[in-house]
N, C-alpha and C. Protein backbone atom coordinates (compact mmCIF):
# COMPACT_ATOMS: atom_id res chain seq x y z
N MET A 1 5.70 8.75 24.99
CA MET A 1 7.10 8.59 25.15
C MET A 1 7.35 7.22 25.29
N MET A 2 8.28 6.57 24.64
CA MET A 2 8.70 5.00 24.54
C MET A 2 9.63 4.88 25.67
N ASP A 3 9.57 3.75 26.41
CA ASP A 3 10.55 3.28 27.43
C ASP A 3 11.61 2.66 26.60
N GLY A 4 12.64 2.32 27.32
CA GLY A 4 13.82 1.51 26.79
C GLY A 4 13.48 0.27 26.14
N ASN A 5 12.73 -0.51 26.86
CA ASN A 5 12.33 -1.80 26.27
C ASN A 5 11.54 -1.66 24.93
N LYS A 6 10.76 -0.73 24.80
CA LYS A 6 9.84 -0.65 23.64
C LYS A 6 10.73 -0.15 22.55
N LEU A 7 11.72 0.71 22.90
CA LEU A 7 12.52 1.24 21.90
C LEU A 7 13.58 0.04 21.35
N LYS A 8 14.01 -0.59 22.18
CA LYS A 8 14.97 -1.90 21.96
C LYS A 8 14.04 -2.92 20.99
N GLU A 9 12.78 -3.15 21.22
CA GLU A 9 11.93 -3.89 20.49
C GLU A 9 11.57 -3.41 19.15
N LEU A 10 11.61 -2.00 19.06
CA LEU A 10 11.38 -1.31 17.82
C LEU A 10 12.63 -1.48 16.90
N ARG A 11 13.90 -1.36 17.65
CA ARG A 11 15.07 -1.62 16.88
C ARG A 11 15.15 -3.01 16.33
N GLU A 12 14.75 -3.92 17.10
CA GLU A 12 14.88 -5.39 16.79
C GLU A 12 13.84 -5.63 15.58
N LEU A 13 12.72 -4.96 15.63
CA LEU A 13 11.73 -5.08 14.64
C LEU A 13 12.22 -4.69 13.25
N VAL A 14 12.78 -3.50 13.36
CA VAL A 14 13.52 -2.84 12.07
C VAL A 14 14.46 -3.80 11.54
N GLU A 15 15.28 -4.35 12.30
CA GLU A 15 16.25 -5.33 11.94
C GLU A 15 15.61 -6.60 11.26
N PHE A 16 14.59 -7.11 12.15
CA PHE A 16 13.89 -8.35 11.47
C PHE A 16 13.29 -8.07 10.05
N LEU A 17 12.63 -6.89 9.98
CA LEU A 17 12.05 -6.51 8.59
C LEU A 17 12.94 -6.42 7.59
N LYS A 18 14.15 -5.86 7.86
CA LYS A 18 15.26 -5.74 6.86
C LYS A 18 15.82 -7.13 6.45
N ALA A 19 15.98 -8.04 7.59
CA ALA A 19 16.52 -9.24 7.22
C ALA A 19 15.62 -10.06 6.31
N ASN A 20 14.27 -9.96 6.57
CA ASN A 20 13.44 -10.64 5.76
C ASN A 20 12.69 -9.91 4.58
N GLU A 21 13.36 -8.82 4.19
CA GLU A 21 13.10 -8.03 3.14
C GLU A 21 11.66 -7.58 2.91
N ILE A 22 10.97 -7.15 4.15
CA ILE A 22 9.63 -6.72 4.13
C ILE A 22 9.69 -5.29 4.14
N ALA A 23 9.03 -4.72 3.01
CA ALA A 23 9.25 -3.40 2.50
C ALA A 23 8.42 -2.37 3.38
N GLU A 24 7.23 -2.82 3.75
CA GLU A 24 6.34 -1.92 4.58
C GLU A 24 5.64 -2.71 5.73
N PHE A 25 5.52 -2.05 6.82
CA PHE A 25 4.85 -2.75 7.96
C PHE A 25 4.13 -1.71 8.88
N ASP A 26 2.98 -1.94 9.34
CA ASP A 26 2.18 -1.29 10.26
C ASP A 26 2.00 -2.11 11.51
N MET A 27 2.02 -1.33 12.75
CA MET A 27 1.90 -1.91 13.84
C MET A 27 1.10 -1.07 14.78
N GLU A 28 0.13 -1.59 15.55
CA GLU A 28 -0.71 -0.92 16.55
C GLU A 28 -0.64 -1.52 17.96
N GLN A 29 -0.39 -0.98 18.94
CA GLN A 29 -0.36 -1.54 20.31
C GLN A 29 -0.74 -0.41 21.20
N ASP A 30 -1.77 -0.58 21.94
CA ASP A 30 -2.29 0.57 22.87
C ASP A 30 -2.43 1.82 22.23
N ASP A 31 -1.70 2.85 22.61
CA ASP A 31 -1.66 4.00 22.05
C ASP A 31 -0.48 4.36 21.16
N LEU A 32 0.30 3.31 20.87
CA LEU A 32 1.40 3.31 19.80
C LEU A 32 1.06 2.87 18.50
N LYS A 33 1.24 3.77 17.62
CA LYS A 33 1.07 3.41 16.09
C LYS A 33 2.50 3.63 15.44
N VAL A 34 2.72 2.50 14.76
CA VAL A 34 4.11 2.64 14.04
C VAL A 34 3.91 2.15 12.51
N ARG A 35 4.43 2.88 11.61
CA ARG A 35 4.51 2.52 10.27
C ARG A 35 6.01 2.58 9.75
N ILE A 36 6.42 1.54 9.20
CA ILE A 36 7.83 1.50 8.77
C ILE A 36 7.80 1.15 7.35
N LYS A 37 8.42 2.02 6.53
CA LYS A 37 8.47 1.87 4.98
C LYS A 37 9.82 2.15 4.53
N PHE A 38 10.41 0.99 3.96
CA PHE A 38 11.83 1.10 3.38
C PHE A 38 11.69 1.49 1.88
N ALA A 39 12.60 2.39 1.66
CA ALA A 39 12.85 2.72 0.05
C ALA A 39 13.75 1.71 -0.50
N GLY A 40 13.58 1.46 -1.78
CA GLY A 40 14.42 0.63 -2.51
C GLY A 40 13.94 -0.33 -3.31
N GLU A 41 14.43 -1.54 -3.46
CA GLU A 41 14.07 -2.79 -4.23
C GLU A 41 12.68 -3.30 -3.66
N PRO A 42 11.90 -3.84 -4.61
CA PRO A 42 10.57 -4.56 -3.97
C PRO A 42 10.95 -5.62 -2.98
N ALA A 43 10.09 -5.84 -2.09
CA ALA A 43 10.28 -6.77 -1.07
C ALA A 43 9.92 -8.25 -1.59
N VAL A 44 10.44 -9.24 -0.88
CA VAL A 44 10.06 -10.73 -1.31
C VAL A 44 8.65 -10.99 -0.67
N ALA A 45 8.37 -10.44 0.56
CA ALA A 45 7.08 -10.72 1.32
C ALA A 45 6.12 -9.61 0.95
N ALA A 46 4.90 -9.97 1.10
CA ALA A 46 3.80 -8.96 0.88
C ALA A 46 3.72 -8.16 2.16
N ALA A 47 3.47 -6.82 2.11
CA ALA A 47 3.34 -5.94 3.08
C ALA A 47 2.17 -6.19 3.88
N PRO A 48 2.18 -6.23 5.19
CA PRO A 48 0.87 -6.33 5.95
C PRO A 48 0.01 -4.94 5.74
N THR A 49 -1.33 -5.04 5.82
CA THR A 49 -2.05 -3.88 5.64
C THR A 49 -2.46 -3.24 6.89
N GLY A 50 -2.30 -3.87 7.86
CA GLY A 50 -2.81 -3.35 9.20
C GLY A 50 -1.95 -3.32 10.36
N GLY A 51 -2.47 -3.40 11.60
CA GLY A 51 -1.57 -3.41 12.75
C GLY A 51 -1.46 -4.82 13.30
N ILE A 52 -0.25 -4.86 14.09
CA ILE A 52 0.03 -6.12 14.81
C ILE A 52 0.59 -5.86 16.06
N ASP A 53 0.12 -6.28 17.05
CA ASP A 53 0.84 -6.16 18.43
C ASP A 53 2.10 -6.77 18.65
N LEU A 54 2.85 -6.39 19.68
CA LEU A 54 4.22 -6.86 19.89
C LEU A 54 4.28 -8.42 20.21
N ALA A 55 3.17 -8.87 21.00
CA ALA A 55 3.14 -10.30 21.21
C ALA A 55 3.07 -11.13 20.03
N GLN A 56 2.36 -10.68 18.94
CA GLN A 56 2.12 -11.42 17.65
C GLN A 56 3.53 -11.28 16.80
N LEU A 57 4.14 -10.13 17.19
CA LEU A 57 5.34 -9.94 16.38
C LEU A 57 6.26 -10.95 17.07
N SER A 58 6.39 -11.08 18.24
CA SER A 58 7.41 -11.96 18.77
C SER A 58 7.25 -13.31 18.32
N ARG A 59 5.95 -13.83 18.40
CA ARG A 59 5.60 -15.08 17.81
C ARG A 59 6.08 -15.42 16.40
N LEU A 60 5.91 -14.05 15.43
CA LEU A 60 6.29 -14.33 14.12
C LEU A 60 7.82 -14.56 14.05
N MET A 61 8.43 -13.73 14.81
CA MET A 61 9.97 -13.52 14.77
C MET A 61 10.42 -14.89 15.26
N ALA A 62 9.85 -15.52 16.22
CA ALA A 62 10.35 -16.91 16.84
C ALA A 62 10.24 -18.03 15.68
N SER A 63 9.03 -17.86 15.08
CA SER A 63 8.75 -18.95 14.18
C SER A 63 9.27 -18.63 12.77
N ALA A 64 10.01 -17.60 12.43
CA ALA A 64 10.50 -17.39 11.00
C ALA A 64 11.54 -18.11 10.74
N PRO A 65 11.65 -18.77 9.60
CA PRO A 65 12.76 -19.46 9.09
C PRO A 65 13.96 -18.57 8.89
N ALA A 66 15.09 -18.79 9.17
CA ALA A 66 16.34 -17.97 8.90
C ALA A 66 16.27 -17.55 7.55
N GLY A 67 16.28 -16.24 7.23
CA GLY A 67 16.37 -15.63 5.97
C GLY A 67 15.16 -15.86 5.24
N GLY A 68 14.08 -16.30 5.83
CA GLY A 68 12.72 -16.53 5.11
C GLY A 68 11.85 -15.37 5.17
N ALA A 69 10.85 -15.27 4.42
CA ALA A 69 9.99 -14.10 4.42
C ALA A 69 8.65 -14.50 5.30
N VAL A 70 8.26 -13.35 5.84
CA VAL A 70 7.11 -13.55 6.78
C VAL A 70 6.21 -12.41 6.55
N ALA A 71 5.04 -12.61 6.46
CA ALA A 71 3.94 -11.74 6.18
C ALA A 71 3.09 -11.69 7.49
N ALA A 72 2.76 -10.58 8.10
CA ALA A 72 2.01 -10.44 9.25
C ALA A 72 0.53 -10.62 8.94
N PRO A 73 -0.30 -10.85 10.00
CA PRO A 73 -1.77 -11.07 9.63
C PRO A 73 -2.24 -9.66 9.36
N ALA A 74 -3.20 -9.67 8.55
CA ALA A 74 -3.83 -8.24 8.07
C ALA A 74 -4.96 -8.02 9.24
N HIS A 75 -5.10 -6.78 9.59
CA HIS A 75 -6.17 -6.17 10.34
C HIS A 75 -6.66 -4.90 9.55
N ALA A 76 -7.76 -4.32 10.20
CA ALA A 76 -8.17 -3.13 9.69
C ALA A 76 -7.18 -1.98 9.60
N ALA A 77 -6.88 -1.25 8.46
CA ALA A 77 -5.86 -0.40 8.23
C ALA A 77 -6.28 0.87 9.25
N ALA A 78 -5.19 1.37 9.88
CA ALA A 78 -5.30 2.52 10.69
C ALA A 78 -4.19 3.50 10.19
N PRO A 79 -4.54 4.89 10.51
CA PRO A 79 -3.39 5.89 10.30
C PRO A 79 -2.21 5.47 11.34
N ALA A 80 -1.06 5.86 10.87
CA ALA A 80 0.17 5.48 11.57
C ALA A 80 0.99 6.63 11.62
N VAL A 81 1.99 6.63 12.52
CA VAL A 81 2.96 7.57 12.68
C VAL A 81 4.23 6.96 12.21
N SER A 82 5.08 7.71 11.47
CA SER A 82 6.41 7.16 10.95
C SER A 82 7.33 7.10 12.19
N ALA A 83 8.11 6.06 12.25
CA ALA A 83 8.86 5.54 13.30
C ALA A 83 10.33 5.16 12.76
N ALA A 84 10.64 5.32 11.45
CA ALA A 84 11.92 4.83 10.97
C ALA A 84 12.61 5.95 10.65
N ALA A 85 13.95 5.74 10.22
CA ALA A 85 14.81 6.77 9.83
C ALA A 85 14.16 7.50 8.70
N PRO A 86 14.30 8.68 8.39
CA PRO A 86 13.76 9.40 7.25
C PRO A 86 14.05 8.71 6.06
N ALA A 87 13.09 8.49 5.19
CA ALA A 87 13.19 7.79 3.85
C ALA A 87 13.85 8.92 2.81
N PRO A 88 14.57 8.48 1.79
CA PRO A 88 14.98 9.46 0.73
C PRO A 88 13.68 10.12 0.21
N VAL A 89 13.83 11.20 -0.34
CA VAL A 89 12.72 11.84 -0.92
C VAL A 89 12.51 11.21 -2.24
N GLU A 90 11.10 10.76 -2.35
CA GLU A 90 10.72 10.06 -3.67
C GLU A 90 10.08 11.00 -4.55
N GLU A 91 10.22 10.72 -5.85
CA GLU A 91 9.52 11.51 -7.04
C GLU A 91 8.11 11.79 -6.48
N ALA A 92 7.58 12.99 -6.72
CA ALA A 92 6.17 13.35 -6.45
C ALA A 92 5.37 12.76 -7.45
N LEU A 93 4.45 11.83 -7.15
CA LEU A 93 3.60 11.29 -8.03
C LEU A 93 2.10 11.79 -7.75
N HIS A 94 1.31 12.02 -8.70
CA HIS A 94 -0.16 12.30 -8.35
C HIS A 94 -0.86 11.07 -8.27
N GLU A 95 -1.62 10.92 -7.12
CA GLU A 95 -2.43 9.68 -7.01
C GLU A 95 -3.95 10.06 -7.41
N VAL A 96 -4.49 9.32 -8.21
CA VAL A 96 -5.99 9.23 -8.66
C VAL A 96 -6.65 8.22 -7.70
N LYS A 97 -7.63 8.90 -6.89
CA LYS A 97 -8.30 8.16 -5.86
C LYS A 97 -9.61 7.94 -6.23
N SER A 98 -10.16 6.81 -5.45
CA SER A 98 -11.51 6.58 -5.83
C SER A 98 -12.48 7.49 -5.14
N PRO A 99 -13.39 8.02 -5.88
CA PRO A 99 -14.34 9.05 -5.32
C PRO A 99 -15.48 8.28 -4.68
N ILE A 100 -15.68 6.90 -4.69
CA ILE A 100 -16.77 6.15 -3.99
C ILE A 100 -16.12 4.70 -3.50
N VAL A 101 -17.03 4.15 -2.57
CA VAL A 101 -16.76 2.82 -2.24
C VAL A 101 -17.30 1.76 -3.44
N GLY A 102 -16.56 0.89 -3.80
CA GLY A 102 -17.11 -0.07 -4.80
C GLY A 102 -16.08 -1.03 -5.22
N THR A 103 -16.25 -1.54 -6.39
CA THR A 103 -15.32 -2.70 -6.87
C THR A 103 -14.62 -2.12 -7.96
N PHE A 104 -13.31 -2.13 -8.03
CA PHE A 104 -12.46 -1.63 -8.97
C PHE A 104 -12.26 -2.65 -10.23
N TYR A 105 -12.43 -2.06 -11.45
CA TYR A 105 -12.20 -2.84 -12.58
C TYR A 105 -11.36 -2.06 -13.54
N GLU A 106 -10.20 -2.70 -14.16
CA GLU A 106 -9.32 -1.92 -14.99
C GLU A 106 -9.83 -2.05 -16.48
N SER A 107 -10.61 -2.84 -16.80
CA SER A 107 -11.19 -2.91 -18.26
C SER A 107 -12.65 -2.67 -18.22
N PRO A 108 -13.25 -2.45 -19.46
CA PRO A 108 -14.74 -2.31 -19.64
C PRO A 108 -15.51 -3.40 -19.47
N SER A 109 -14.90 -4.65 -19.72
CA SER A 109 -15.59 -6.02 -19.56
C SER A 109 -14.53 -7.02 -19.24
N PRO A 110 -15.08 -8.21 -18.80
CA PRO A 110 -14.12 -9.26 -18.57
C PRO A 110 -13.27 -9.60 -19.72
N GLY A 111 -12.02 -9.88 -19.75
CA GLY A 111 -11.20 -10.30 -20.96
C GLY A 111 -10.86 -9.10 -21.94
N ALA A 112 -11.44 -7.94 -21.73
CA ALA A 112 -10.96 -6.83 -22.60
C ALA A 112 -9.76 -6.23 -22.20
N ASP A 113 -9.03 -5.59 -23.02
CA ASP A 113 -7.88 -4.79 -22.71
C ASP A 113 -8.20 -3.71 -21.58
N PRO A 114 -7.20 -3.48 -20.67
CA PRO A 114 -7.50 -2.44 -19.74
C PRO A 114 -7.50 -1.05 -20.41
N PHE A 115 -8.11 -0.18 -19.77
CA PHE A 115 -8.33 1.20 -20.10
C PHE A 115 -6.97 1.82 -20.40
N VAL A 116 -6.13 1.58 -19.33
CA VAL A 116 -4.68 2.13 -19.44
C VAL A 116 -3.76 1.04 -18.97
N LYS A 117 -2.55 1.26 -19.39
CA LYS A 117 -1.39 0.34 -18.87
C LYS A 117 -0.34 1.19 -18.29
N ILE A 118 0.52 0.61 -17.62
CA ILE A 118 1.69 1.28 -17.06
C ILE A 118 2.43 1.93 -18.23
N GLY A 119 2.92 3.16 -18.13
CA GLY A 119 3.65 3.85 -19.29
C GLY A 119 2.85 4.58 -20.24
N ASP A 120 1.53 4.31 -20.23
CA ASP A 120 0.65 5.07 -21.12
C ASP A 120 0.68 6.56 -20.75
N GLN A 121 0.42 7.53 -21.66
CA GLN A 121 0.19 8.75 -21.55
C GLN A 121 -1.29 9.13 -21.41
N VAL A 122 -1.71 9.89 -20.42
CA VAL A 122 -3.09 10.14 -20.25
C VAL A 122 -3.48 11.63 -20.31
N GLU A 123 -4.55 11.94 -20.65
CA GLU A 123 -5.09 13.38 -20.59
C GLU A 123 -6.11 13.57 -19.70
N VAL A 124 -6.20 14.80 -19.05
CA VAL A 124 -7.28 15.19 -18.23
C VAL A 124 -8.63 14.71 -18.82
N GLY A 125 -9.47 13.90 -18.15
CA GLY A 125 -10.73 13.41 -18.50
C GLY A 125 -10.73 12.16 -19.15
N GLN A 126 -9.55 11.51 -19.45
CA GLN A 126 -9.51 10.21 -20.09
C GLN A 126 -9.90 9.15 -19.00
N VAL A 127 -10.57 8.14 -19.41
CA VAL A 127 -11.10 7.05 -18.48
C VAL A 127 -9.92 6.16 -18.13
N LEU A 128 -9.72 6.05 -16.82
CA LEU A 128 -8.60 5.17 -16.24
C LEU A 128 -9.17 3.62 -15.91
N CYS A 129 -10.37 3.68 -15.26
CA CYS A 129 -11.11 2.44 -14.87
C CYS A 129 -12.38 2.70 -14.58
N ILE A 130 -13.00 1.71 -14.04
CA ILE A 130 -14.44 1.69 -13.69
C ILE A 130 -14.53 1.18 -12.03
N VAL A 131 -15.39 1.99 -11.40
CA VAL A 131 -15.61 1.57 -10.02
C VAL A 131 -17.12 1.23 -9.86
N GLU A 132 -17.38 0.07 -9.67
CA GLU A 132 -18.80 -0.45 -9.74
C GLU A 132 -19.47 -0.24 -8.31
N ALA A 133 -20.52 0.41 -8.08
CA ALA A 133 -21.21 0.74 -6.86
C ALA A 133 -22.57 0.46 -7.05
N MET A 134 -23.26 -0.41 -6.45
CA MET A 134 -24.71 -0.75 -6.50
C MET A 134 -25.13 -0.79 -7.90
N LYS A 135 -24.47 -1.79 -8.53
CA LYS A 135 -24.67 -2.20 -10.01
C LYS A 135 -24.51 -1.04 -10.98
N LEU A 136 -24.09 0.16 -10.50
CA LEU A 136 -23.74 1.25 -11.42
C LEU A 136 -22.20 1.17 -11.75
N MET A 137 -21.93 1.36 -13.13
CA MET A 137 -20.52 1.52 -13.44
C MET A 137 -20.14 2.95 -13.55
N ASN A 138 -19.19 3.26 -12.74
CA ASN A 138 -18.80 4.70 -12.70
C ASN A 138 -17.34 4.72 -13.22
N GLU A 139 -17.30 5.55 -14.32
CA GLU A 139 -16.08 5.77 -15.08
C GLU A 139 -15.06 6.73 -14.09
N ILE A 140 -13.90 6.29 -13.94
CA ILE A 140 -13.01 7.13 -13.14
C ILE A 140 -11.95 7.81 -14.19
N GLU A 141 -11.97 9.06 -14.18
CA GLU A 141 -11.08 9.78 -15.13
C GLU A 141 -9.79 10.35 -14.59
N ALA A 142 -8.91 10.51 -15.36
CA ALA A 142 -7.69 11.17 -14.99
C ALA A 142 -7.92 12.55 -14.66
N ASP A 143 -7.38 13.02 -13.51
CA ASP A 143 -7.49 14.69 -13.21
C ASP A 143 -6.41 15.32 -13.43
N VAL A 144 -5.37 14.70 -14.09
CA VAL A 144 -4.10 15.34 -14.45
C VAL A 144 -3.70 14.76 -15.71
N ALA A 145 -2.93 15.42 -16.63
CA ALA A 145 -2.29 14.86 -17.78
C ALA A 145 -0.76 14.15 -17.27
N GLY A 146 -0.47 13.09 -17.76
CA GLY A 146 0.64 12.59 -17.66
C GLY A 146 0.97 11.14 -18.02
N GLU A 147 1.99 10.46 -17.30
CA GLU A 147 2.35 9.12 -17.67
C GLU A 147 1.77 8.08 -16.49
N VAL A 148 0.93 7.13 -16.80
CA VAL A 148 0.66 6.23 -15.74
C VAL A 148 1.83 5.41 -15.25
N VAL A 149 2.38 5.58 -14.06
CA VAL A 149 3.41 4.81 -13.39
C VAL A 149 3.05 3.69 -12.70
N LYS A 150 1.88 3.63 -11.98
CA LYS A 150 1.64 2.52 -11.33
C LYS A 150 0.12 2.37 -11.11
N ARG A 151 -0.37 1.10 -11.17
CA ARG A 151 -1.76 0.79 -10.87
C ARG A 151 -1.68 0.18 -9.49
N ILE A 152 -2.40 0.95 -8.53
CA ILE A 152 -2.36 0.52 -7.18
C ILE A 152 -3.38 -0.50 -6.74
N ALA A 153 -4.57 -0.18 -7.29
CA ALA A 153 -5.74 -1.18 -6.98
C ALA A 153 -5.58 -2.46 -7.82
N THR A 154 -6.41 -3.48 -7.41
CA THR A 154 -6.37 -4.80 -8.01
C THR A 154 -7.84 -4.99 -8.75
N SER A 155 -7.70 -5.33 -9.98
CA SER A 155 -8.89 -5.36 -10.59
C SER A 155 -9.78 -6.59 -10.04
N GLY A 156 -11.21 -6.24 -9.96
CA GLY A 156 -12.18 -7.17 -9.17
C GLY A 156 -12.08 -7.07 -7.62
N GLN A 157 -11.34 -6.31 -7.07
CA GLN A 157 -11.29 -6.13 -5.63
C GLN A 157 -11.91 -4.90 -5.15
N PRO A 158 -12.45 -4.90 -3.92
CA PRO A 158 -13.07 -3.71 -3.35
C PRO A 158 -12.16 -2.59 -3.00
N VAL A 159 -12.65 -1.32 -3.31
CA VAL A 159 -11.83 -0.03 -2.98
C VAL A 159 -12.65 0.80 -2.10
N GLU A 160 -12.00 1.50 -1.33
CA GLU A 160 -12.68 2.42 -0.40
C GLU A 160 -12.75 3.90 -0.83
N TYR A 161 -13.56 4.80 -0.32
CA TYR A 161 -13.55 6.18 -0.62
C TYR A 161 -12.08 6.73 -0.31
N GLY A 162 -11.58 7.39 -1.36
CA GLY A 162 -10.34 8.02 -1.06
C GLY A 162 -9.02 7.12 -1.27
N GLN A 163 -9.37 5.87 -1.64
CA GLN A 163 -8.13 5.02 -1.69
C GLN A 163 -7.46 5.11 -3.12
N PRO A 164 -6.18 5.10 -3.08
CA PRO A 164 -5.50 5.36 -4.31
C PRO A 164 -5.70 4.40 -5.45
N LEU A 165 -5.90 4.62 -6.70
CA LEU A 165 -6.06 3.68 -7.67
C LEU A 165 -4.85 3.75 -8.63
N PHE A 166 -4.34 4.79 -8.94
CA PHE A 166 -3.14 4.95 -10.00
C PHE A 166 -2.31 5.98 -9.48
N ALA A 167 -1.09 5.85 -9.88
CA ALA A 167 -0.22 6.92 -9.66
C ALA A 167 0.29 7.37 -11.04
N ILE A 168 0.17 8.74 -11.11
CA ILE A 168 0.58 9.40 -12.51
C ILE A 168 1.74 10.39 -12.26
N ARG A 169 2.73 10.32 -13.15
CA ARG A 169 3.81 11.38 -13.13
C ARG A 169 3.25 12.47 -14.02
N ALA A 170 2.78 13.62 -13.42
CA ALA A 170 2.13 14.67 -14.18
C ALA A 170 3.22 15.35 -15.00
N ARG A 171 2.80 15.92 -16.03
CA ARG A 171 3.48 16.68 -16.95
C ARG A 171 3.50 18.18 -16.56
């Protein structure tokens, strides 16, 4: 249960995030975990990928330029509990997730065209990307037919087991 001071701080945090157009925010302090995600237009600032404590947040808020964007320091991602007003229902998109830990590549070789682009129609079994693990190139295939709506992973970056790679609007 949150006391009045923490609830007040949470309200101030929500207002701060809105004012700085930060679309997504995770915070972890003691036994409290908060994830705030705003629906709507893309944010100006990059969303933090992990937790931040209230003392760090206070320093960030105090040093923030008026109307400027602030990105919180990234920490290890942790599961979070939603603490914001209920977001509008979004279209249900199927996420293709990494079956292994490795490095994500969107094309078969450097400089080559990507396997798929946003807006492409894909079929079940069509190769979407490669995840390299221990010098082995593992082709990741679509497990649903539909339209590629979003590439979530970044080419050349590490991915974890179960991490979303693509969002597909299933047919």
